[in-house]
């Protein structure tokens, strides 16, 4: 499970430093409006991948850990069942 999490972190975080390195190398180049737009889009996508990593952590744990799935199912059952209490009536058979 930890290996999966590390792989996900590496895959989703590598594009941003690469983009920042590219931006630093080409800071003195004259850029057309189209190139600036494309670079801005790529930069936004690299930041989106960083934010996406936080939400994908849940799915990585859900897919790779049976203990996490078990605890998650119990939590959901507890929350759903406590929301809808059952009506039980006691009968006195006298």
PDB file of N, CA and C in Angstrom:
ATOM      1  N   UNK A   1       0.828  -1.186   0.000  1.00  0.00           N
ATOM      2  CA  UNK A   1       0.000   0.000   0.000  1.00  0.00           C
ATOM      3  C   UNK A   1       0.879   1.260   0.000  1.00  0.00           C
ATOM      4  N   UNK A   2       1.910   1.258   0.787  1.00  0.00           N
ATOM      5  CA  UNK A   2       2.811   2.407   0.824  1.00  0.00           C
ATOM      6  C   UNK A   2       3.511   2.589  -0.521  1.00  0.00           C
ATOM      7  N   UNK A   3       3.868   1.482  -1.148  1.00  0.00           N
ATOM      8  CA  UNK A   3       4.497   1.547  -2.468  1.00  0.00           C
ATOM      9  C   UNK A   3       3.558   2.202  -3.483  1.00  0.00           C
ATOM     10  N   UNK A   4       2.283   1.832  -3.444  1.00  0.00           N
ATOM     11  CA  UNK A   4       1.293   2.440  -4.347  1.00  0.00           C
ATOM     12  C   UNK A   4       1.185   3.940  -4.108  1.00  0.00           C
ATOM     13  N   UNK A   5       1.170   4.311  -2.860  1.00  0.00           N
ATOM     14  CA  UNK A   5       1.052   5.729  -2.514  1.00  0.00           C
ATOM     15  C   UNK A   5       2.284   6.514  -2.976  1.00  0.00           C
ATOM     16  N   UNK A   6       3.447   5.937  -2.826  1.00  0.00           N
ATOM     17  CA  UNK A   6       4.680   6.599  -3.265  1.00  0.00           C
ATOM     18  C   UNK A   6       4.703   6.734  -4.783  1.00  0.00           C
ATOM     19  N   UNK A   7       4.305   5.687  -5.488  1.00  0.00           N
ATOM     20  CA  UNK A   7       4.255   5.754  -6.961  1.00  0.00           C
ATOM     21  C   UNK A   7       3.281   6.826  -7.421  1.00  0.00           C
ATOM     22  N   UNK A   8       2.128   6.892  -6.804  1.00  0.00           N
ATOM     23  CA  UNK A   8       1.146   7.916  -7.154  1.00  0.00           C
ATOM     24  C   UNK A   8       1.710   9.307  -6.897  1.00  0.00           C
ATOM     25  N   UNK A   9       2.376   9.482  -5.768  1.00  0.00           N
ATOM     26  CA  UNK A   9       2.951  10.788  -5.440  1.00  0.00           C
ATOM     27  C   UNK A   9       3.999  11.195  -6.473  1.00  0.00           C
ATOM     28  N   UNK A  10       4.854  10.257  -6.850  1.00  0.00           N
ATOM     29  CA  UNK A  10       5.904  10.564  -7.832  1.00  0.00           C
ATOM     30  C   UNK A  10       5.297  10.927  -9.180  1.00  0.00           C
ATOM     31  N   UNK A  11       4.353  10.139  -9.646  1.00  0.00           N
ATOM     32  CA  UNK A  11       3.746  10.377 -10.960  1.00  0.00           C
ATOM     33  C   UNK A  11       3.033  11.720 -11.010  1.00  0.00           C
ATOM     34  N   UNK A  12       2.343  12.073  -9.940  1.00  0.00           N
ATOM     35  CA  UNK A  12       1.548  13.299  -9.962  1.00  0.00           C
ATOM     36  C   UNK A  12       2.343  14.547  -9.582  1.00  0.00           C
ATOM     37  N   UNK A  13       3.494  14.392  -8.959  1.00  0.00           N
ATOM     38  CA  UNK A  13       4.268  15.565  -8.549  1.00  0.00           C
ATOM     39  C   UNK A  13       5.461  15.881  -9.441  1.00  0.00           C
ATOM     40  N   UNK A  14       5.905  14.965 -10.256  1.00  0.00           N
ATOM     41  CA  UNK A  14       7.053  15.212 -11.139  1.00  0.00           C
ATOM     42  C   UNK A  14       6.778  16.294 -12.188  1.00  0.00           C
ATOM     43  N   UNK A  15       5.590  16.377 -12.793  1.00  0.00           N
ATOM     44  CA  UNK A  15       5.391  17.401 -13.837  1.00  0.00           C
ATOM     45  C   UNK A  15       5.599  18.841 -13.359  1.00  0.00           C
ATOM     46  N   UNK A  16       5.256  19.148 -12.135  1.00  0.00           N
ATOM     47  CA  UNK A  16       5.374  20.530 -11.669  1.00  0.00           C
ATOM     48  C   UNK A  16       6.830  20.999 -11.585  1.00  0.00           C
ATOM     49  N   UNK A  17       7.744  20.265 -10.962  1.00  0.00           N
ATOM     50  CA  UNK A  17       9.140  20.725 -10.985  1.00  0.00           C
ATOM     51  C   UNK A  17       9.716  20.797 -12.399  1.00  0.00           C
ATOM     52  N   UNK A  18       9.299  19.886 -13.270  1.00  0.00           N
ATOM     53  CA  UNK A  18       9.764  19.950 -14.667  1.00  0.00           C
ATOM     54  C   UNK A  18       9.271  21.230 -15.327  1.00  0.00           C
ATOM     55  N   UNK A  19       8.012  21.573 -15.079  1.00  0.00           N
ATOM     56  CA  UNK A  19       7.463  22.812 -15.638  1.00  0.00           C
ATOM     57  C   UNK A  19       8.201  24.031 -15.073  1.00  0.00           C
ATOM     58  N   UNK A  20       8.449  24.036 -13.776  1.00  0.00           N
ATOM     59  CA  UNK A  20       9.155  25.164 -13.160  1.00  0.00           C
ATOM     60  C   UNK A  20      10.590  25.277 -13.680  1.00  0.00           C
ATOM     61  N   UNK A  21      11.244  24.148 -13.902  1.00  0.00           N
ATOM     62  CA  UNK A  21      12.591  24.159 -14.479  1.00  0.00           C
ATOM     63  C   UNK A  21      12.558  24.715 -15.906  1.00  0.00           C
ATOM     64  N   UNK A  22      11.590  24.276 -16.699  1.00  0.00           N
ATOM     65  CA  UNK A  22      11.438  24.786 -18.064  1.00  0.00           C
ATOM     66  C   UNK A  22      11.190  26.293 -18.047  1.00  0.00           C
ATOM     67  N   UNK A  23      10.337  26.725 -17.139  1.00  0.00           N
ATOM     68  CA  UNK A  23      10.021  28.150 -17.044  1.00  0.00           C
ATOM     69  C   UNK A  23      11.267  28.960 -16.660  1.00  0.00           C
ATOM     70  N   UNK A  24      12.083  28.429 -15.782  1.00  0.00           N
ATOM     71  CA  UNK A  24      13.311  29.114 -15.376  1.00  0.00           C
ATOM     72  C   UNK A  24      14.316  29.184 -16.526  1.00  0.00           C
ATOM     73  N   UNK A  25      14.428  28.103 -17.276  1.00  0.00           N
ATOM     74  CA  UNK A  25      15.376  28.075 -18.394  1.00  0.00           C
ATOM     75  C   UNK A  25      14.956  29.042 -19.498  1.00  0.00           C
ATOM     76  N   UNK A  26      13.660  29.157 -19.750  1.00  0.00           N
ATOM     77  CA  UNK A  26      13.173  29.980 -20.867  1.00  0.00           C
ATOM     78  C   UNK A  26      12.666  31.344 -20.418  1.00  0.00           C
ATOM     79  N   UNK A  27      13.094  31.819 -19.266  1.00  0.00           N
ATOM     80  CA  UNK A  27      12.573  33.087 -18.744  1.00  0.00           C
ATOM     81  C   UNK A  27      12.970  34.284 -19.615  1.00  0.00           C
ATOM     82  N   UNK A  28      14.113  34.217 -20.269  1.00  0.00           N
ATOM     83  CA  UNK A  28      14.582  35.345 -21.074  1.00  0.00           C
ATOM     84  C   UNK A  28      14.192  35.245 -22.543  1.00  0.00           C
ATOM     85  N   UNK A  29      13.523  34.174 -22.950  1.00  0.00           N
ATOM     86  CA  UNK A  29      13.097  34.020 -24.339  1.00  0.00           C
ATOM     87  C   UNK A  29      11.907  34.928 -24.631  1.00  0.00           C
ATOM     88  N   UNK A  30      11.856  35.419 -25.863  1.00  0.00           N
ATOM     89  CA  UNK A  30      10.690  36.167 -26.316  1.00  0.00           C
ATOM     90  C   UNK A  30       9.625  35.151 -26.710  1.00  0.00           C
ATOM     91  N   UNK A  31       8.435  35.299 -26.129  1.00  0.00           N
ATOM     92  CA  UNK A  31       7.391  34.295 -26.327  1.00  0.00           C
ATOM     93  C   UNK A  31       6.167  34.937 -26.970  1.00  0.00           C
ATOM     94  N   UNK A  32       5.577  34.185 -27.882  1.00  0.00           N
ATOM     95  CA  UNK A  32       4.354  34.652 -28.534  1.00  0.00           C
ATOM     96  C   UNK A  32       3.180  34.472 -27.576  1.00  0.00           C
ATOM     97  N   UNK A  33       2.063  35.156 -27.834  1.00  0.00           N
ATOM     98  CA  UNK A  33       0.884  34.977 -26.978  1.00  0.00           C
ATOM     99  C   UNK A  33       0.394  33.529 -26.941  1.00  0.00           C
ATOM    100  N   UNK A  34       0.506  32.833 -28.071  1.00  0.00           N
ATOM    101  CA  UNK A  34       0.098  31.427 -28.097  1.00  0.00           C
ATOM    102  C   UNK A  34       0.993  30.584 -27.188  1.00  0.00           C
ATOM    103  N   UNK A  35       2.290  30.808 -27.253  1.00  0.00           N
ATOM    104  CA  UNK A  35       3.222  30.058 -26.410  1.00  0.00           C
ATOM    105  C   UNK A  35       2.978  30.362 -24.935  1.00  0.00           C
ATOM    106  N   UNK A  36       2.711  31.619 -24.601  1.00  0.00           N
ATOM    107  CA  UNK A  36       2.407  31.976 -23.209  1.00  0.00           C
ATOM    108  C   UNK A  36       1.140  31.286 -22.732  1.00  0.00           C
ATOM    109  N   UNK A  37       0.143  31.207 -23.619  1.00  0.00           N
ATOM    110  CA  UNK A  37      -1.111  30.544 -23.261  1.00  0.00           C
ATOM    111  C   UNK A  37      -0.894  29.054 -23.037  1.00  0.00           C
ATOM    112  N   UNK A  38      -0.140  28.426 -23.917  1.00  0.00           N
ATOM    113  CA  UNK A  38       0.140  26.993 -23.775  1.00  0.00           C
ATOM    114  C   UNK A  38       0.937  26.730 -22.500  1.00  0.00           C
ATOM    115  N   UNK A  39       1.929  27.560 -22.231  1.00  0.00           N
ATOM    116  CA  UNK A  39       2.724  27.384 -21.009  1.00  0.00           C
ATOM    117  C   UNK A  39       1.876  27.592 -19.760  1.00  0.00           C
ATOM    118  N   UNK A  40       0.984  28.546 -19.808  1.00  0.00           N
ATOM    119  CA  UNK A  40       0.092  28.777 -18.673  1.00  0.00           C
ATOM    120  C   UNK A  40      -0.829  27.577 -18.460  1.00  0.00           C
ATOM    121  N   UNK A  41      -1.339  27.023 -19.551  1.00  0.00           N
ATOM    122  CA  UNK A  41      -2.201  25.844 -19.461  1.00  0.00           C
ATOM    123  C   UNK A  41      -1.442  24.660 -18.867  1.00  0.00           C
ATOM    124  N   UNK A  42      -0.236  24.434 -19.344  1.00  0.00           N
ATOM    125  CA  UNK A  42       0.578  23.324 -18.825  1.00  0.00           C
ATOM    126  C   UNK A  42       0.891  23.539 -17.342  1.00  0.00           C
ATOM    127  N   UNK A  43       1.174  24.773 -16.956  1.00  0.00           N
ATOM    128  CA  UNK A  43       1.417  25.068 -15.544  1.00  0.00           C
ATOM    129  C   UNK A  43       0.193  24.795 -14.684  1.00  0.00           C
ATOM    130  N   UNK A  44      -0.977  25.198 -15.171  1.00  0.00           N
ATOM    131  CA  UNK A  44      -2.211  24.935 -14.426  1.00  0.00           C
ATOM    132  C   UNK A  44      -2.484  23.441 -14.309  1.00  0.00           C
ATOM    133  N   UNK A  45      -2.214  22.689 -15.368  1.00  0.00           N
ATOM    134  CA  UNK A  45      -2.415  21.238 -15.319  1.00  0.00           C
ATOM    135  C   UNK A  45      -1.441  20.584 -14.338  1.00  0.00           C
ATOM    136  N   UNK A  46      -0.218  21.099 -14.261  1.00  0.00           N
ATOM    137  CA  UNK A  46       0.741  20.516 -13.316  1.00  0.00           C
ATOM    138  C   UNK A  46       0.296  20.764 -11.875  1.00  0.00           C
ATOM    139  N   UNK A  47      -0.284  21.927 -11.609  1.00  0.00           N
ATOM    140  CA  UNK A  47      -0.812  22.186 -10.266  1.00  0.00           C
ATOM    141  C   UNK A  47      -2.067  21.361  -9.996  1.00  0.00           C
ATOM    142  N   UNK A  48      -2.865  21.133 -11.022  1.00  0.00           N
ATOM    143  CA  UNK A  48      -4.051  20.299 -10.860  1.00  0.00           C
ATOM    144  C   UNK A  48      -3.662  18.878 -10.463  1.00  0.00           C
ATOM    145  N   UNK A  49      -2.593  18.365 -11.045  1.00  0.00           N
ATOM    146  CA  UNK A  49      -2.131  17.021 -10.686  1.00  0.00           C
ATOM    147  C   UNK A  49      -1.710  16.947  -9.224  1.00  0.00           C
ATOM    148  N   UNK A  50      -1.107  18.013  -8.726  1.00  0.00           N
ATOM    149  CA  UNK A  50      -0.714  18.033  -7.313  1.00  0.00           C
ATOM    150  C   UNK A  50      -1.948  17.978  -6.419  1.00  0.00           C
ATOM    151  N   UNK A  51      -2.966  18.758  -6.751  1.00  0.00           N
ATOM    152  CA  UNK A  51      -4.188  18.752  -5.952  1.00  0.00           C
ATOM    153  C   UNK A  51      -4.953  17.444  -6.107  1.00  0.00           C
ATOM    154  N   UNK A  52      -4.876  16.847  -7.273  1.00  0.00           N
ATOM    155  CA  UNK A  52      -5.562  15.586  -7.526  1.00  0.00           C
ATOM    156  C   UNK A  52      -4.991  14.469  -6.661  1.00  0.00           C
ATOM    157  N   UNK A  53      -3.726  14.554  -6.347  1.00  0.00           N
ATOM    158  CA  UNK A  53      -3.084  13.519  -5.531  1.00  0.00           C
ATOM    159  C   UNK A  53      -3.751  13.379  -4.169  1.00  0.00           C
ATOM    160  N   UNK A  54      -4.193  14.488  -3.603  1.00  0.00           N
ATOM    161  CA  UNK A  54      -4.829  14.434  -2.287  1.00  0.00           C
ATOM    162  C   UNK A  54      -6.161  13.698  -2.333  1.00  0.00           C
ATOM    163  N   UNK A  55      -6.917  13.866  -3.399  1.00  0.00           N
ATOM    164  CA  UNK A  55      -8.199  13.175  -3.492  1.00  0.00           C
ATOM    165  C   UNK A  55      -8.033  11.722  -3.930  1.00  0.00           C
ATOM    166  N   UNK A  56      -7.005  11.409  -4.676  1.00  0.00           N
ATOM    167  CA  UNK A  56      -6.793  10.032  -5.118  1.00  0.00           C
ATOM    168  C   UNK A  56      -6.262   9.140  -4.008  1.00  0.00           C
ATOM    169  N   UNK A  57      -5.760   9.719  -2.949  1.00  0.00           N
ATOM    170  CA  UNK A  57      -5.271   8.928  -1.821  1.00  0.00           C
ATOM    171  C   UNK A  57      -6.370   8.026  -1.275  1.00  0.00           C
ATOM    172  N   UNK A  58      -7.586   8.549  -1.185  1.00  0.00           N
ATOM    173  CA  UNK A  58      -8.714   7.747  -0.710  1.00  0.00           C
ATOM    174  C   UNK A  58      -8.903   6.511  -1.584  1.00  0.00           C
ATOM    175  N   UNK A  59      -8.866   6.684  -2.888  1.00  0.00           N
ATOM    176  CA  UNK A  59      -9.083   5.560  -3.792  1.00  0.00           C
ATOM    177  C   UNK A  59      -7.925   4.564  -3.746  1.00  0.00           C
ATOM    178  N   UNK A  60      -6.725   5.037  -3.557  1.00  0.00           N
ATOM    179  CA  UNK A  60      -5.578   4.129  -3.434  1.00  0.00           C
ATOM    180  C   UNK A  60      -5.742   3.266  -2.192  1.00  0.00           C
ATOM    181  N   UNK A  61      -6.102   3.876  -1.080  1.00  0.00           N
ATOM    182  CA  UNK A  61      -6.308   3.104   0.141  1.00  0.00           C
ATOM    183  C   UNK A  61      -7.476   2.142  -0.011  1.00  0.00           C
ATOM    184  N   UNK A  62      -8.541   2.577  -0.657  1.00  0.00           N
ATOM    185  CA  UNK A  62      -9.707   1.718  -0.838  1.00  0.00           C
ATOM    186  C   UNK A  62      -9.374   0.513  -1.709  1.00  0.00           C
ATOM    187  N   UNK A  63      -8.606   0.711  -2.740  1.00  0.00           N
ATOM    188  CA  UNK A  63      -8.281  -0.385  -3.649  1.00  0.00           C
ATOM    189  C   UNK A  63      -7.205  -1.315  -3.109  1.00  0.00           C
ATOM    190  N   UNK A  64      -6.301  -0.816  -2.305  1.00  0.00           N
ATOM    191  CA  UNK A  64      -5.147  -1.632  -1.932  1.00  0.00           C
ATOM    192  C   UNK A  64      -5.178  -2.184  -0.511  1.00  0.00           C
ATOM    193  N   UNK A  65      -6.066  -1.723   0.335  1.00  0.00           N
ATOM    194  CA  UNK A  65      -6.042  -2.165   1.728  1.00  0.00           C
ATOM    195  C   UNK A  65      -7.373  -2.789   2.132  1.00  0.00           C
ATOM    196  N   UNK A  66      -7.345  -4.068   2.438  1.00  0.00           N
ATOM    197  CA  UNK A  66      -8.574  -4.733   2.879  1.00  0.00           C
ATOM    198  C   UNK A  66      -8.994  -4.237   4.263  1.00  0.00           C
ATOM    199  N   UNK A  67      -8.041  -3.919   5.120  1.00  0.00           N
ATOM    200  CA  UNK A  67      -8.377  -3.382   6.441  1.00  0.00           C
ATOM    201  C   UNK A  67      -9.071  -2.027   6.316  1.00  0.00           C
ATOM    202  N   UNK A  68      -8.569  -1.178   5.432  1.00  0.00           N
ATOM    203  CA  UNK A  68      -9.201   0.121   5.216  1.00  0.00           C
ATOM    204  C   UNK A  68     -10.620  -0.059   4.686  1.00  0.00           C
ATOM    205  N   UNK A  69     -10.806  -0.980   3.733  1.00  0.00           N
ATOM    206  CA  UNK A  69     -12.147  -1.234   3.193  1.00  0.00           C
ATOM    207  C   UNK A  69     -13.090  -1.716   4.281  1.00  0.00           C
ATOM    208  N   UNK A  70     -12.610  -2.621   5.121  1.00  0.00           N
ATOM    209  CA  UNK A  70     -13.441  -3.149   6.202  1.00  0.00           C
ATOM    210  C   UNK A  70     -13.859  -2.031   7.162  1.00  0.00           C
ATOM    211  N   UNK A  71     -12.906  -1.223   7.583  1.00  0.00           N
ATOM    212  CA  UNK A  71     -13.214  -0.117   8.497  1.00  0.00           C
ATOM    213  C   UNK A  71     -14.134   0.909   7.836  1.00  0.00           C
ATOM    214  N   UNK A  72     -13.919   1.168   6.566  1.00  0.00           N
ATOM    215  CA  UNK A  72     -14.753   2.123   5.843  1.00  0.00           C
ATOM    216  C   UNK A  72     -16.193   1.615   5.739  1.00  0.00           C
ATOM    217  N   UNK A  73     -16.365   0.331   5.450  1.00  0.00           N
ATOM    218  CA  UNK A  73     -17.710  -0.250   5.386  1.00  0.00           C
ATOM    219  C   UNK A  73     -18.399  -0.168   6.742  1.00  0.00           C
ATOM    220  N   UNK A  74     -17.672  -0.459   7.802  1.00  0.00           N
ATOM    221  CA  UNK A  74     -18.263  -0.362   9.138  1.00  0.00           C
ATOM    222  C   UNK A  74     -18.670   1.071   9.459  1.00  0.00           C
ATOM    223  N   UNK A  75     -17.859   2.020   9.091  1.00  0.00           N
ATOM    224  CA  UNK A  75     -18.179   3.422   9.327  1.00  0.00           C
ATOM    225  C   UNK A  75     -19.437   3.828   8.573  1.00  0.00           C
ATOM    226  N   UNK A  76     -19.541   3.439   7.312  1.00  0.00           N
ATOM    227  CA  UNK A  76     -20.720   3.767   6.510  1.00  0.00           C
ATOM    228  C   UNK A  76     -21.959   3.099   7.091  1.00  0.00           C
ATOM    229  N   UNK A  77     -21.853   1.835   7.437  1.00  0.00           N
ATOM    230  CA  UNK A  77     -23.005   1.135   8.027  1.00  0.00           C
ATOM    231  C   UNK A  77     -23.441   1.810   9.320  1.00  0.00           C
ATOM    232  N   UNK A  78     -22.480   2.166  10.140  1.00  0.00           N
ATOM    233  CA  UNK A  78     -22.806   2.801  11.416  1.00  0.00           C
ATOM    234  C   UNK A  78     -23.515   4.135  11.187  1.00  0.00           C
ATOM    235  N   UNK A  79     -23.013   4.931  10.256  1.00  0.00           N
ATOM    236  CA  UNK A  79     -23.619   6.240   9.986  1.00  0.00           C
ATOM    237  C   UNK A  79     -25.002   6.094   9.370  1.00  0.00           C
ATOM    238  N   UNK A  80     -25.188   5.139   8.464  1.00  0.00           N
ATOM    239  CA  UNK A  80     -26.488   4.964   7.819  1.00  0.00           C
ATOM    240  C   UNK A  80     -27.485   4.358   8.790  1.00  0.00           C
ATOM    241  N   UNK A  81     -27.082   3.343   9.521  1.00  0.00           N
ATOM    242  CA  UNK A  81     -28.004   2.688  10.447  1.00  0.00           C
ATOM    243  C   UNK A  81     -28.370   3.587  11.623  1.00  0.00           C
ATOM    244  N   UNK A  82     -27.473   4.427  12.046  1.00  0.00           N
ATOM    245  CA  UNK A  82     -27.806   5.323  13.155  1.00  0.00           C
ATOM    246  C   UNK A  82     -28.727   6.448  12.701  1.00  0.00           C
ATOM    247  N   UNK A  83     -28.760   6.719  11.416  1.00  0.00           N
ATOM    248  CA  UNK A  83     -29.629   7.761  10.889  1.00  0.00           C
ATOM    249  C   UNK A  83     -31.080   7.292  10.812  1.00  0.00           C
ATOM    250  N   UNK A  84     -31.289   5.993  10.603  1.00  0.00           N
ATOM    251  CA  UNK A  84     -32.629   5.433  10.485  1.00  0.00           C
ATOM    252  C   UNK A  84     -32.857   4.424  11.606  1.00  0.00           C
ATOM    253  N   UNK A  85     -33.275   4.897  12.770  1.00  0.00           N
ATOM    254  CA  UNK A  85     -33.476   3.956  13.881  1.00  0.00           C
ATOM    255  C   UNK A  85     -34.673   3.046  13.602  1.00  0.00           C
ATOM    256  N   UNK A  86     -34.562   1.819  14.036  1.00  0.00           N
ATOM    257  CA  UNK A  86     -35.656   0.872  13.823  1.00  0.00           C
ATOM    258  C   UNK A  86     -36.641   0.990  14.977  1.00  0.00           C
ATOM    259  N   UNK A  87     -37.908   0.877  14.641  1.00  0.00           N
ATOM    260  CA  UNK A  87     -38.967   0.930  15.643  1.00  0.00           C
ATOM    261  C   UNK A  87     -39.235  -0.484  16.125  1.00  0.00           C
ATOM    262  N   UNK A  88     -38.954  -0.731  17.367  1.00  0.00           N
ATOM    263  CA  UNK A  88     -39.214  -2.046  17.939  1.00  0.00           C
ATOM    264  C   UNK A  88     -40.242  -1.883  19.036  1.00  0.00           C
ATOM    265  N   UNK A  89     -41.167  -2.774  19.022  1.00  0.00           N
ATOM    266  CA  UNK A  89     -42.195  -2.747  20.061  1.00  0.00           C
ATOM    267  C   UNK A  89     -42.074  -4.016  20.883  1.00  0.00           C
ATOM    268  N   UNK A  90     -42.237  -3.855  22.151  1.00  0.00           N
ATOM    269  CA  UNK A  90     -42.175  -4.992  23.052  1.00  0.00           C
ATOM    270  C   UNK A  90     -43.592  -5.420  23.380  1.00  0.00           C
ATOM    271  N   UNK A  91     -43.842  -6.700  23.293  1.00  0.00           N
ATOM    272  CA  UNK A  91     -45.160  -7.237  23.615  1.00  0.00           C
ATOM    273  C   UNK A  91     -45.063  -8.039  24.900  1.00  0.00           C
ATOM    274  N   UNK A  92     -46.017  -7.814  25.707  1.00  0.00           N
ATOM    275  CA  UNK A  92     -46.072  -8.546  26.957  1.00  0.00           C
ATOM    276  C   UNK A  92     -47.059  -9.689  26.771  1.00  0.00           C
ATOM    277  N   UNK A  93     -46.585 -10.888  26.792  1.00  0.00           N
ATOM    278  CA  UNK A  93     -47.434 -12.059  26.545  1.00  0.00           C
ATOM    279  C   UNK A  93     -48.034 -12.583  27.846  1.00  0.00           C
ATOM    280  N   UNK A  94     -48.744 -11.758  28.534  1.00  0.00           N
ATOM    281  CA  UNK A  94     -49.389 -12.222  29.768  1.00  0.00           C
ATOM    282  C   UNK A  94     -50.866 -12.266  29.602  1.00  0.00           C
TER     283      UNK A  94
END
